[in-house]
Amino acid sequence: MGYVNNLLVICLAFTLLISMAEVLAGPTVMGQTGLIAMPSARVDDDGSLRFGLSDYNPYTTFWSSLGLFPRLELGARYTAVDDTVGIPGTNFGTFKDKAFDIKLMLIKEGAYLPALSIGSQDFLGTRVFDADYVVMSKAFGPLDASVGYGRGRIDGYFGGLEYQPEWANGFGFIYEYDAIDYPNERFADTSGAIDNQGGSSYGVNYKIGWLGLNAVYQRGRDLGVNAYIAIPLMAREFIPKLDEPPVFNEVSKRSTVAQWFADSENNAKLVSALEMQGFKNVQILLVSDQLDIGFAHPKISLMARAVGRVARTALLLGPTDISSIQITYFTLTDLALVTYQFTDLTQLDAFFAGKVTYGELLAGLTVSYAEPATAQRLAEVVIEPKNSVGKADPKKSTQFQWVPNEDGQAISLKKEETSLGNFRITPINAGIYFNDANGAFRYETFALARYSRYLRRGLFFKSGVRVRLFEDISKVVDKSNSNLPHVRTDIADYKRDADFKVDSLLVNQFMQLRPRVYARASVGYYEEMFGGAGGQVLYLPKQGAWAVDFSLDFLRQRKTNEGLGFRPYTTTTAIAAFHYQIPKHGLTFTVRGGRFLAKDVGLRYEFQRRFRSGVRIGVWYTVTDGNDITKPGSPGDPYRDKGIMLSIPLGSMLTRDTRATARFAISPWTRDVGQAVKSPGDLYNILEDPLLLDSSEHHLLSEFHY
């Protein structure tokens, strides 16, 4: 009878009033938008990324959710069950399970119709916490009512009310009827879930800015809590650029073309002015009455913004009687990407003065993919930079300096060259290894030193060494039982056997073979576990949102100790990739096919979305003929490599622009199937950001005037 009464309370809410209000729906203890443990028909905003931690007896859950598209919400969670044993005979601890959830809003709420959504919880893998449901929600002023029906873990009718009055100033009050079938949960006897009978739960939530906190009284017997942060990925940036250096505005006496040819000091002065703004590998050539400039910049994230600063400087310091300026943008790997040719310099000068629009500027501008001949011509230029008073500058590189809060590092010691080389020491780095049978959570901290030397056009020497500080990865004592070659499962041995490690030691040659055709050749120690020789070729079409590349590497596995020796295992990887972009929605679909590290052959599927902030979130799933039957794999259902990837441009969180990006991946870290060697310099990753291949939010003149 109480069950019926609870449902009547929920249904009566739909007859209270007809007025609509904006609903600030929050997450459940499992991360999906909803009440306390039950979902509602609401979905989070497009591009809203939430991370949370909840304690809801007998479960502790680390969760995340994402509004991937309007009306579509995805979730991922990692749940630990109290008073259980996960994998007997291992160091795994209590039982833990990862789950993925999805919710789709079929009908958007109207003046009279409720929102209607369907969803599935834990729809992949072992489905320990699986449930499928349909639910509708309707707002009546500050009151939001939901009622639904589920099967599986959510067994039958459920629903609830959330009241968010304006006078509460961020507080909300929740009633929920919980329909989870706790007595039939896995490990219900040992975890205590058998004593939970569902029913009424009550909660209070509070939201301020990005932060939220829910306190709940669950099923009349236990207290619970759910804390989270919600990040709006559709915001262009999270922190304003308060410390960005101003544009160059030094006014000095300018030369004519004839005077420029007669005195090399003019060239050197322009080079010096650009290098003072952080530009690297500056190349300047005056051809007749056209000024050609090539450059790279390690900090400025948008190509057009960097080109704009070069153009502004060239107008102030270049010859007075030139007819055009041609500026070629190079990557930090010395690949020429795009050439901007300005043929109406009066219009360009007026644009910087705010007198003409972008549309008027375009009449005197041609933007095209860079030609190899242009790059070759600029590469032959040798200029000795001069300072502002015309004296030779003896410093081809900066002095060592401690730099706080740069590129996501709390502090680092760095030295940069005016070419493309650099040396950097970061004393504190961390690696986190998550969700594996050898330990649900492992970590390492280490000091890292990296040195890069620019040898000649496109040729680089790169090295990296690390010194171990604190870690617990080496505590993994369980030997791998993988039937495949141990290309990744012996990672604990690499961490255990060496306090000092040469991470990489190699030479890269980057080349532009033809317009839109790029290549890389590499030899040396690629990464901690493999060394060898190989290369990559990439093709970009003149028009069309796609790209293809092919990588071939001849590899040998390194020894686990501190030296540079090798194990007997050798392999050849050959992987072709096709990338297809839908820039309007920030989407990239990638299919990689070929031979992987463990000599298994198959395909890897990747899906990725870029949000307005530049953050990219994606997933991958690999199918190969590698027969990985280690748990959770089985002879009839072998394990498939899969995971979640996250890429965060650090410029969105700093007060100065930077091209630095933090990359993360969540997947089992001791698996051998579907694995690839760490690329010494993946061409698609190098070109993707400057060319804005997956973005329609920016264009090739975005922020040109800044």
Foldseek 3Di string as FASTA:
>chain_A
DQVVVVVVVQVVVLVPAQDADDDPFDAEQAGATPFHPDRALDHDDAQKKKWKWKCDAQKTKTKMKHNPDVQKIKMKMKIFFPQAQPDPPFPAGGNIDIAMKMKGFPDDDDSNAWIKMKMWIRPDDPPLPIKTKIKTWGDDDQKIWMWIAMDDQQHGIWIWMKGDDPVVQFKIKIKIQGRGPQLPHVVCVRRVSVVQDTGIKIWMKGDDAQWIKIWIDGRPPDIMIMIMGMDRQQDQFDDAQPPADDFDDDADDEAAPVVCVVDVLLVQALLQVLVVNQWAPWFWDCDPQEIEIETEHFFFQAPLQSVLSSLVSCPRRPHPPRQKYKYWYAFLLQHTFKIKIFRHVVVSVCVLVVNDDPVVRVVRIDMATDWQVSSVVRQPGDGQHAYPVSHGDPAQKDDWDWDAPPLNARIKTKIGGRHSWIKIKRAWDKDWAADDSNYRIWMWIWIKIKTWDDDGRSKIWIWMKIATDDICLLVRDDQDPWPFPQQFQCVSLLVNAERMATFWTKMKGWDDPGRQKIKIWMATRQGSWKGFIWMKIKGDDRDFLKIKMKIKTWIFTDDSHRDGHTDPDIDIWIKIKIWGADAVFQKIWMKIFTAADRRWGWIKIKIWGAHSNRKIKIKIWIDTPRQGQPPVRHNVRGDIWMWMKIKHQCQSVDSYGGRRIDIDIHTNRRDDPPHHGDDSDDPCVSPCRNCVSHHPVDHSNVSSSD
